[in-house]
Amino acid sequence: MEAFTSFTLARALHIFAIVLWIGGVAFVTTVLIPSLKQIPDIHDRLALFEKLEGKFAIQARITTVITLLTGLYMIDFMQIWGRFLQAEFWWMHLMVIVWLLFTLVLFVFEPLFLHAWFRKQALIDSKKTFKRVHMMHIILLTVSLITILGAMLGAHGFRF
């Protein structure tokens, strides 16, 4: 039996954080937004979205930080920085891109302007705004799931 190591803990925390983070994105994309789009009153729709999405944003911020710290630790521990120079490890590049996109949205764009922009647009044309937000979530979720699939296959030796 393999001894429990700091690497084992880092990998477990990495996967744990990603499950909470991308699982939450999946919930928002496949359940929350479609349900909100059915609420006829735009003020009720917007208020519920902001309340629930705001709670999830806290979880997403925490889990993306855990993902960063554990990912960097594992890369350094395994001394695999050179993989970023090899196309066959495309999934590692994609992991960084997905993480960077979400991190920019969560820590930079949303607090600086995205929240205000969304609120303003939702009050002008709620249906169109929620449709746009839903499409962006679908795209981000799809790319995230492709990344997870590629990472799991790649981490277990499958080369594309």
N, C-alpha and C. Protein backbone atom coordinates (compact mmCIF):
# COMPACT_ATOMS: atom_id res chain seq x y z
N MET A 1 0.83 -1.18 0.00
CA MET A 1 0.00 0.00 0.00
C MET A 1 0.88 1.25 0.00
N GLU A 2 0.52 2.22 -0.83
CA GLU A 2 1.29 3.45 -0.95
C GLU A 2 1.12 4.30 0.30
N ALA A 3 2.20 4.89 0.76
CA ALA A 3 2.15 5.76 1.94
C ALA A 3 1.42 7.05 1.61
N PHE A 4 0.72 7.57 2.59
CA PHE A 4 0.04 8.85 2.43
C PHE A 4 1.09 9.94 2.37
N THR A 5 1.03 10.78 1.37
CA THR A 5 2.03 11.83 1.20
C THR A 5 1.36 13.18 1.02
N SER A 6 2.18 14.22 1.05
CA SER A 6 1.66 15.56 0.79
C SER A 6 1.13 15.65 -0.64
N PHE A 7 1.75 14.90 -1.56
CA PHE A 7 1.27 14.88 -2.94
C PHE A 7 -0.13 14.26 -3.01
N THR A 8 -0.33 13.18 -2.27
CA THR A 8 -1.65 12.53 -2.24
C THR A 8 -2.70 13.50 -1.73
N LEU A 9 -2.37 14.23 -0.67
CA LEU A 9 -3.29 15.22 -0.12
C LEU A 9 -3.56 16.33 -1.14
N ALA A 10 -2.51 16.81 -1.79
CA ALA A 10 -2.68 17.87 -2.79
C ALA A 10 -3.58 17.41 -3.93
N ARG A 11 -3.37 16.20 -4.41
CA ARG A 11 -4.20 15.69 -5.51
C ARG A 11 -5.65 15.55 -5.06
N ALA A 12 -5.86 15.02 -3.86
CA ALA A 12 -7.23 14.85 -3.35
C ALA A 12 -7.93 16.21 -3.20
N LEU A 13 -7.22 17.19 -2.65
CA LEU A 13 -7.80 18.53 -2.50
C LEU A 13 -8.05 19.19 -3.85
N HIS A 14 -7.17 18.93 -4.81
CA HIS A 14 -7.33 19.47 -6.16
C HIS A 14 -8.63 18.96 -6.79
N ILE A 15 -8.83 17.67 -6.72
CA ILE A 15 -10.04 17.06 -7.30
C ILE A 15 -11.28 17.50 -6.52
N PHE A 16 -11.18 17.54 -5.19
CA PHE A 16 -12.28 17.99 -4.35
C PHE A 16 -12.72 19.40 -4.74
N ALA A 17 -11.75 20.30 -4.90
CA ALA A 17 -12.06 21.69 -5.26
C ALA A 17 -12.70 21.77 -6.64
N ILE A 18 -12.19 20.99 -7.58
CA ILE A 18 -12.73 21.03 -8.94
C ILE A 18 -14.15 20.47 -8.98
N VAL A 19 -14.41 19.43 -8.20
CA VAL A 19 -15.77 18.88 -8.15
C VAL A 19 -16.74 19.94 -7.63
N LEU A 20 -16.38 20.63 -6.57
CA LEU A 20 -17.26 21.68 -6.03
C LEU A 20 -17.41 22.84 -7.01
N TRP A 21 -16.31 23.24 -7.62
CA TRP A 21 -16.31 24.38 -8.53
C TRP A 21 -17.08 24.09 -9.81
N ILE A 22 -16.66 23.08 -10.56
CA ILE A 22 -17.30 22.80 -11.85
C ILE A 22 -18.67 22.14 -11.64
N GLY A 23 -18.83 21.41 -10.56
CA GLY A 23 -20.16 20.88 -10.24
C GLY A 23 -21.14 22.02 -10.00
N GLY A 24 -20.68 23.06 -9.34
CA GLY A 24 -21.51 24.25 -9.13
C GLY A 24 -21.84 24.95 -10.44
N VAL A 25 -20.85 25.02 -11.32
CA VAL A 25 -21.08 25.62 -12.63
C VAL A 25 -22.12 24.80 -13.39
N ALA A 26 -22.03 23.48 -13.28
CA ALA A 26 -23.00 22.60 -13.94
C ALA A 26 -24.40 22.84 -13.39
N PHE A 27 -24.52 22.99 -12.08
CA PHE A 27 -25.82 23.27 -11.47
C PHE A 27 -26.38 24.61 -11.96
N VAL A 28 -25.55 25.64 -11.93
CA VAL A 28 -26.00 26.97 -12.38
C VAL A 28 -26.44 26.90 -13.84
N THR A 29 -25.68 26.18 -14.67
CA THR A 29 -25.94 26.12 -16.11
C THR A 29 -27.16 25.28 -16.46
N THR A 30 -27.30 24.13 -15.82
CA THR A 30 -28.34 23.18 -16.23
C THR A 30 -29.62 23.26 -15.40
N VAL A 31 -29.55 23.86 -14.22
CA VAL A 31 -30.73 23.91 -13.35
C VAL A 31 -31.13 25.35 -13.01
N LEU A 32 -30.20 26.10 -12.45
CA LEU A 32 -30.55 27.43 -11.94
C LEU A 32 -31.00 28.39 -13.04
N ILE A 33 -30.16 28.62 -14.03
CA ILE A 33 -30.52 29.60 -15.06
C ILE A 33 -31.78 29.18 -15.83
N PRO A 34 -31.90 27.91 -16.26
CA PRO A 34 -33.15 27.53 -16.94
C PRO A 34 -34.39 27.74 -16.07
N SER A 35 -34.26 27.48 -14.76
CA SER A 35 -35.39 27.69 -13.85
C SER A 35 -35.71 29.17 -13.70
N LEU A 36 -34.67 29.99 -13.58
CA LEU A 36 -34.88 31.43 -13.44
C LEU A 36 -35.54 32.03 -14.67
N LYS A 37 -35.20 31.51 -15.83
CA LYS A 37 -35.79 32.02 -17.07
C LYS A 37 -37.30 31.81 -17.12
N GLN A 38 -37.81 30.92 -16.27
CA GLN A 38 -39.25 30.65 -16.22
C GLN A 38 -40.00 31.59 -15.28
N ILE A 39 -39.27 32.35 -14.48
CA ILE A 39 -39.91 33.30 -13.55
C ILE A 39 -40.36 34.52 -14.35
N PRO A 40 -41.66 34.81 -14.36
CA PRO A 40 -42.16 35.90 -15.22
C PRO A 40 -41.74 37.30 -14.78
N ASP A 41 -41.70 37.55 -13.48
CA ASP A 41 -41.37 38.89 -13.00
C ASP A 41 -39.85 39.11 -13.08
N ILE A 42 -39.41 40.08 -13.85
CA ILE A 42 -37.97 40.28 -14.06
C ILE A 42 -37.25 40.69 -12.79
N HIS A 43 -37.91 41.40 -11.90
CA HIS A 43 -37.27 41.81 -10.64
C HIS A 43 -37.07 40.61 -9.72
N ASP A 44 -38.08 39.73 -9.65
CA ASP A 44 -37.94 38.51 -8.85
C ASP A 44 -36.83 37.62 -9.43
N ARG A 45 -36.81 37.50 -10.76
CA ARG A 45 -35.81 36.69 -11.45
C ARG A 45 -34.40 37.21 -11.14
N LEU A 46 -34.21 38.50 -11.28
CA LEU A 46 -32.92 39.11 -11.05
C LEU A 46 -32.49 38.99 -9.59
N ALA A 47 -33.41 39.25 -8.68
CA ALA A 47 -33.09 39.18 -7.25
C ALA A 47 -32.67 37.77 -6.85
N LEU A 48 -33.41 36.77 -7.33
CA LEU A 48 -33.06 35.38 -6.98
C LEU A 48 -31.74 34.98 -7.61
N PHE A 49 -31.50 35.38 -8.85
CA PHE A 49 -30.23 35.08 -9.51
C PHE A 49 -29.07 35.67 -8.73
N GLU A 50 -29.17 36.96 -8.38
CA GLU A 50 -28.09 37.62 -7.66
C GLU A 50 -27.85 36.98 -6.30
N LYS A 51 -28.91 36.60 -5.62
CA LYS A 51 -28.77 35.98 -4.30
C LYS A 51 -28.07 34.62 -4.41
N LEU A 52 -28.54 33.77 -5.31
CA LEU A 52 -27.99 32.42 -5.42
C LEU A 52 -26.61 32.41 -6.09
N GLU A 53 -26.46 33.18 -7.14
CA GLU A 53 -25.17 33.25 -7.83
C GLU A 53 -24.11 33.87 -6.91
N GLY A 54 -24.53 34.82 -6.10
CA GLY A 54 -23.60 35.44 -5.15
C GLY A 54 -23.08 34.44 -4.13
N LYS A 55 -23.96 33.58 -3.65
CA LYS A 55 -23.54 32.52 -2.71
C LYS A 55 -22.57 31.56 -3.38
N PHE A 56 -22.88 31.19 -4.63
CA PHE A 56 -22.00 30.27 -5.34
C PHE A 56 -20.66 30.93 -5.67
N ALA A 57 -20.66 32.23 -5.92
CA ALA A 57 -19.41 32.94 -6.24
C ALA A 57 -18.40 32.81 -5.10
N ILE A 58 -18.88 32.83 -3.87
CA ILE A 58 -17.99 32.66 -2.72
C ILE A 58 -17.34 31.27 -2.78
N GLN A 59 -18.15 30.25 -3.00
CA GLN A 59 -17.64 28.88 -3.12
C GLN A 59 -16.66 28.77 -4.29
N ALA A 60 -17.01 29.38 -5.41
CA ALA A 60 -16.15 29.31 -6.60
C ALA A 60 -14.81 30.01 -6.36
N ARG A 61 -14.84 31.13 -5.67
CA ARG A 61 -13.58 31.84 -5.38
C ARG A 61 -12.67 30.98 -4.50
N ILE A 62 -13.23 30.39 -3.48
CA ILE A 62 -12.44 29.55 -2.57
C ILE A 62 -11.89 28.34 -3.32
N THR A 63 -12.72 27.68 -4.10
CA THR A 63 -12.27 26.46 -4.78
C THR A 63 -11.28 26.75 -5.90
N THR A 64 -11.40 27.90 -6.56
CA THR A 64 -10.40 28.21 -7.59
C THR A 64 -9.04 28.51 -6.96
N VAL A 65 -9.03 29.10 -5.78
CA VAL A 65 -7.76 29.33 -5.08
C VAL A 65 -7.15 28.00 -4.65
N ILE A 66 -7.97 27.11 -4.11
CA ILE A 66 -7.47 25.77 -3.74
C ILE A 66 -6.94 25.04 -4.97
N THR A 67 -7.65 25.16 -6.08
CA THR A 67 -7.22 24.52 -7.33
C THR A 67 -5.86 25.06 -7.76
N LEU A 68 -5.67 26.36 -7.70
CA LEU A 68 -4.38 26.96 -8.05
C LEU A 68 -3.26 26.45 -7.16
N LEU A 69 -3.46 26.54 -5.85
CA LEU A 69 -2.40 26.18 -4.92
C LEU A 69 -2.01 24.70 -5.03
N THR A 70 -3.01 23.84 -5.11
CA THR A 70 -2.71 22.40 -5.21
C THR A 70 -2.13 22.05 -6.57
N GLY A 71 -2.62 22.71 -7.62
CA GLY A 71 -2.08 22.45 -8.96
C GLY A 71 -0.62 22.86 -9.05
N LEU A 72 -0.28 24.04 -8.56
CA LEU A 72 1.11 24.48 -8.57
C LEU A 72 1.99 23.55 -7.74
N TYR A 73 1.48 23.13 -6.59
CA TYR A 73 2.25 22.22 -5.74
C TYR A 73 2.55 20.91 -6.47
N MET A 74 1.53 20.34 -7.12
CA MET A 74 1.73 19.06 -7.82
C MET A 74 2.70 19.21 -8.99
N ILE A 75 2.58 20.29 -9.74
CA ILE A 75 3.49 20.52 -10.87
C ILE A 75 4.92 20.64 -10.36
N ASP A 76 5.11 21.40 -9.30
CA ASP A 76 6.44 21.57 -8.75
C ASP A 76 6.97 20.28 -8.13
N PHE A 77 6.13 19.58 -7.41
CA PHE A 77 6.53 18.33 -6.76
C PHE A 77 7.00 17.31 -7.81
N MET A 78 6.28 17.22 -8.91
CA MET A 78 6.60 16.26 -9.96
C MET A 78 7.65 16.81 -10.94
N GLN A 79 7.97 18.10 -10.81
CA GLN A 79 8.91 18.77 -11.72
C GLN A 79 8.50 18.55 -13.18
N ILE A 80 7.26 18.94 -13.49
CA ILE A 80 6.72 18.73 -14.83
C ILE A 80 6.40 20.05 -15.53
N TRP A 81 7.11 21.10 -15.18
CA TRP A 81 6.89 22.39 -15.82
C TRP A 81 7.09 22.30 -17.33
N GLY A 82 8.00 21.44 -17.77
CA GLY A 82 8.30 21.28 -19.19
C GLY A 82 7.13 20.78 -20.01
N ARG A 83 6.16 20.18 -19.36
CA ARG A 83 4.98 19.71 -20.10
C ARG A 83 4.22 20.85 -20.78
N PHE A 84 4.38 22.03 -20.25
CA PHE A 84 3.69 23.18 -20.87
C PHE A 84 4.32 23.55 -22.21
N LEU A 85 5.45 22.95 -22.52
CA LEU A 85 6.11 23.18 -23.81
C LEU A 85 5.81 22.07 -24.80
N GLN A 86 5.01 21.08 -24.39
CA GLN A 86 4.72 19.93 -25.23
C GLN A 86 3.22 19.89 -25.57
N ALA A 87 2.94 19.83 -26.87
CA ALA A 87 1.54 19.84 -27.34
C ALA A 87 0.75 18.64 -26.85
N GLU A 88 1.39 17.51 -26.62
CA GLU A 88 0.66 16.32 -26.19
C GLU A 88 0.03 16.48 -24.81
N PHE A 89 0.47 17.49 -24.09
CA PHE A 89 -0.12 17.79 -22.78
C PHE A 89 -1.07 18.98 -22.88
N TRP A 90 -1.81 19.04 -23.99
CA TRP A 90 -2.76 20.12 -24.27
C TRP A 90 -3.75 20.32 -23.13
N TRP A 91 -4.08 19.24 -22.44
CA TRP A 91 -5.05 19.32 -21.36
C TRP A 91 -4.52 20.13 -20.19
N MET A 92 -3.21 20.15 -20.00
CA MET A 92 -2.64 20.99 -18.94
C MET A 92 -2.78 22.46 -19.31
N HIS A 93 -2.56 22.75 -20.59
CA HIS A 93 -2.75 24.13 -21.05
C HIS A 93 -4.21 24.54 -20.87
N LEU A 94 -5.11 23.64 -21.23
CA LEU A 94 -6.53 23.93 -21.12
C LEU A 94 -6.95 24.12 -19.65
N MET A 95 -6.36 23.34 -18.75
CA MET A 95 -6.65 23.52 -17.32
C MET A 95 -6.30 24.94 -16.89
N VAL A 96 -5.16 25.42 -17.32
CA VAL A 96 -4.72 26.77 -16.95
C VAL A 96 -5.65 27.81 -17.58
N ILE A 97 -6.03 27.61 -18.84
CA ILE A 97 -6.91 28.56 -19.52
C ILE A 97 -8.27 28.62 -18.83
N VAL A 98 -8.85 27.46 -18.52
CA VAL A 98 -10.16 27.43 -17.84
C VAL A 98 -10.05 28.10 -16.48
N TRP A 99 -9.01 27.76 -15.73
CA TRP A 99 -8.82 28.36 -14.42
C TRP A 99 -8.68 29.89 -14.56
N LEU A 100 -7.88 30.32 -15.53
CA LEU A 100 -7.65 31.75 -15.72
C LEU A 100 -8.94 32.49 -16.09
N LEU A 101 -9.73 31.91 -16.99
CA LEU A 101 -11.00 32.54 -17.37
C LEU A 101 -11.91 32.74 -16.16
N PHE A 102 -12.11 31.66 -15.40
CA PHE A 102 -12.98 31.76 -14.23
C PHE A 102 -12.42 32.71 -13.20
N THR A 103 -11.12 32.69 -13.00
CA THR A 103 -10.50 33.55 -12.01
C THR A 103 -10.64 35.02 -12.39
N LEU A 104 -10.44 35.32 -13.67
CA LEU A 104 -10.64 36.70 -14.12
C LEU A 104 -12.08 37.16 -13.91
N VAL A 105 -13.03 36.29 -14.23
CA VAL A 105 -14.44 36.64 -14.04
C VAL A 105 -14.74 36.83 -12.56
N LEU A 106 -14.32 35.89 -11.73
CA LEU A 106 -14.66 35.91 -10.30
C LEU A 106 -13.97 37.02 -9.51
N PHE A 107 -12.70 37.27 -9.83
CA PHE A 107 -11.92 38.20 -9.01
C PHE A 107 -11.71 39.58 -9.64
N VAL A 108 -11.89 39.69 -10.95
CA VAL A 108 -11.61 40.96 -11.61
C VAL A 108 -12.87 41.52 -12.30
N PHE A 109 -13.36 40.82 -13.32
CA PHE A 109 -14.46 41.36 -14.13
C PHE A 109 -15.75 41.55 -13.34
N GLU A 110 -16.14 40.54 -12.57
CA GLU A 110 -17.40 40.62 -11.84
C GLU A 110 -17.40 41.77 -10.84
N PRO A 111 -16.40 41.89 -9.99
CA PRO A 111 -16.43 43.00 -9.04
C PRO A 111 -16.27 44.38 -9.70
N LEU A 112 -15.47 44.46 -10.76
CA LEU A 112 -15.20 45.76 -11.37
C LEU A 112 -16.33 46.28 -12.25
N PHE A 113 -16.92 45.39 -13.07
CA PHE A 113 -17.94 45.91 -13.98
C PHE A 113 -19.01 44.90 -14.38
N LEU A 114 -18.74 43.62 -14.33
CA LEU A 114 -19.68 42.64 -14.85
C LEU A 114 -20.99 42.60 -14.08
N HIS A 115 -20.91 42.70 -12.76
CA HIS A 115 -22.13 42.68 -11.94
C HIS A 115 -23.04 43.85 -12.32
N ALA A 116 -22.47 45.03 -12.38
CA ALA A 116 -23.27 46.23 -12.71
C ALA A 116 -23.81 46.14 -14.13
N TRP A 117 -22.98 45.67 -15.06
CA TRP A 117 -23.41 45.54 -16.46
C TRP A 117 -24.58 44.56 -16.56
N PHE A 118 -24.42 43.39 -15.90
CA PHE A 118 -25.47 42.38 -15.95
C PHE A 118 -26.77 42.93 -15.39
N ARG A 119 -26.70 43.56 -14.24
CA ARG A 119 -27.91 44.10 -13.60
C ARG A 119 -28.61 45.11 -14.51
N LYS A 120 -27.83 46.01 -15.09
CA LYS A 120 -28.40 47.02 -15.99
C LYS A 120 -29.05 46.36 -17.20
N GLN A 121 -28.36 45.42 -17.83
CA GLN A 121 -28.88 44.74 -19.01
C GLN A 121 -30.12 43.91 -18.68
N ALA A 122 -30.10 43.27 -17.52
CA ALA A 122 -31.25 42.44 -17.12
C ALA A 122 -32.50 43.28 -16.90
N LEU A 123 -32.32 44.51 -16.45
CA LEU A 123 -33.47 45.40 -16.26
C LEU A 123 -33.97 45.97 -17.58
N ILE A 124 -33.07 46.10 -18.55
CA ILE A 124 -33.46 46.59 -19.88
C ILE A 124 -34.16 45.50 -20.67
N ASP A 125 -33.53 44.33 -20.75
CA ASP A 125 -34.09 43.20 -21.53
C ASP A 125 -33.70 41.90 -20.83
N SER A 126 -34.49 41.52 -19.85
CA SER A 126 -34.19 40.37 -19.01
C SER A 126 -34.06 39.08 -19.81
N LYS A 127 -34.99 38.86 -20.71
CA LYS A 127 -34.98 37.62 -21.49
C LYS A 127 -33.69 37.47 -22.30
N LYS A 128 -33.33 38.51 -22.99
CA LYS A 128 -32.11 38.50 -23.82
C LYS A 128 -30.86 38.35 -22.94
N THR A 129 -30.82 39.05 -21.82
CA THR A 129 -29.66 39.01 -20.94
C THR A 129 -29.48 37.62 -20.34
N PHE A 130 -30.56 37.02 -19.85
CA PHE A 130 -30.45 35.67 -19.28
C PHE A 130 -30.09 34.64 -20.35
N LYS A 131 -30.55 34.87 -21.57
CA LYS A 131 -30.19 33.98 -22.68
C LYS A 131 -28.68 34.05 -22.94
N ARG A 132 -28.13 35.27 -22.95
CA ARG A 132 -26.68 35.46 -23.15
C ARG A 132 -25.88 34.82 -22.02
N VAL A 133 -26.30 35.09 -20.79
CA VAL A 133 -25.59 34.53 -19.63
C VAL A 133 -25.65 33.01 -19.66
N HIS A 134 -26.80 32.47 -20.03
CA HIS A 134 -26.94 31.03 -20.12
C HIS A 134 -26.00 30.45 -21.19
N MET A 135 -25.93 31.09 -22.33
CA MET A 135 -25.04 30.62 -23.40
C MET A 135 -23.58 30.66 -22.96
N MET A 136 -23.19 31.72 -22.27
CA MET A 136 -21.81 31.80 -21.77
C MET A 136 -21.53 30.68 -20.77
N HIS A 137 -22.48 30.39 -19.91
CA HIS A 137 -22.32 29.29 -18.96
C HIS A 137 -22.22 27.95 -19.68
N ILE A 138 -23.02 27.76 -20.72
CA ILE A 138 -22.97 26.51 -21.49
C ILE A 138 -21.59 26.34 -22.12
N ILE A 139 -21.06 27.41 -22.69
CA ILE A 139 -19.73 27.35 -23.31
C ILE A 139 -18.67 27.05 -22.27
N LEU A 140 -18.68 27.77 -21.16
CA LEU A 140 -17.69 27.54 -20.10
C LEU A 140 -17.80 26.14 -19.51
N LEU A 141 -19.02 25.66 -19.31
CA LEU A 141 -19.20 24.32 -18.77
C LEU A 141 -18.68 23.28 -19.76
N THR A 142 -18.98 23.45 -21.03
CA THR A 142 -18.53 22.50 -22.05
C THR A 142 -17.01 22.43 -22.10
N VAL A 143 -16.36 23.58 -22.14
CA VAL A 143 -14.90 23.62 -22.16
C VAL A 143 -14.34 23.00 -20.87
N SER A 144 -14.98 23.27 -19.75
CA SER A 144 -14.53 22.70 -18.46
C SER A 144 -14.64 21.19 -18.46
N LEU A 145 -15.73 20.66 -18.99
CA LEU A 145 -15.91 19.20 -19.01
C LEU A 145 -14.94 18.53 -19.98
N ILE A 146 -14.67 19.16 -21.11
CA ILE A 146 -13.65 18.64 -22.03
C ILE A 146 -12.29 18.62 -21.35
N THR A 147 -12.00 19.67 -20.61
CA THR A 147 -10.74 19.77 -19.88
C THR A 147 -10.63 18.66 -18.83
N ILE A 148 -11.68 18.44 -18.08
CA ILE A 148 -11.67 17.39 -17.06
C ILE A 148 -11.47 16.02 -17.70
N LEU A 149 -12.19 15.74 -18.76
CA LEU A 149 -12.04 14.47 -19.46
C LEU A 149 -10.62 14.30 -19.98
N GLY A 150 -10.10 15.32 -20.65
CA GLY A 150 -8.73 15.26 -21.15
C GLY A 150 -7.71 15.09 -20.05
N ALA A 151 -7.89 15.80 -18.94
CA ALA A 151 -6.96 15.71 -17.81
C ALA A 151 -6.98 14.32 -17.18
N MET A 152 -8.15 13.77 -17.02
CA MET A 152 -8.24 12.43 -16.41
C MET A 152 -7.60 11.38 -17.32
N LEU A 153 -7.87 11.46 -18.60
CA LEU A 153 -7.25 10.51 -19.54
C LEU A 153 -5.74 10.74 -19.58
N GLY A 154 -5.32 12.00 -19.70
CA GLY A 154 -3.90 12.32 -19.77
C GLY A 154 -3.14 11.93 -18.50
N ALA A 155 -3.74 12.16 -17.35
CA ALA A 155 -3.10 11.83 -16.08
C ALA A 155 -2.92 10.32 -15.91
N HIS A 156 -3.70 9.56 -16.65
CA HIS A 156 -3.59 8.11 -16.56
C HIS A 156 -2.89 7.50 -17.77
N GLY A 157 -2.10 8.36 -18.46
CA GLY A 157 -1.22 7.85 -19.48
C GLY A 157 -1.73 7.86 -20.91
N PHE A 158 -2.98 8.20 -21.13
CA PHE A 158 -3.49 8.23 -22.49
C PHE A 158 -2.94 9.44 -23.21
N ARG A 159 -2.37 9.22 -24.39
CA ARG A 159 -1.82 10.32 -25.19
C ARG A 159 -2.66 10.48 -26.44
N PHE A 160 -2.99 11.70 -26.73
CA PHE A 160 -3.85 12.01 -27.87
C PHE A 160 -3.03 12.17 -29.14
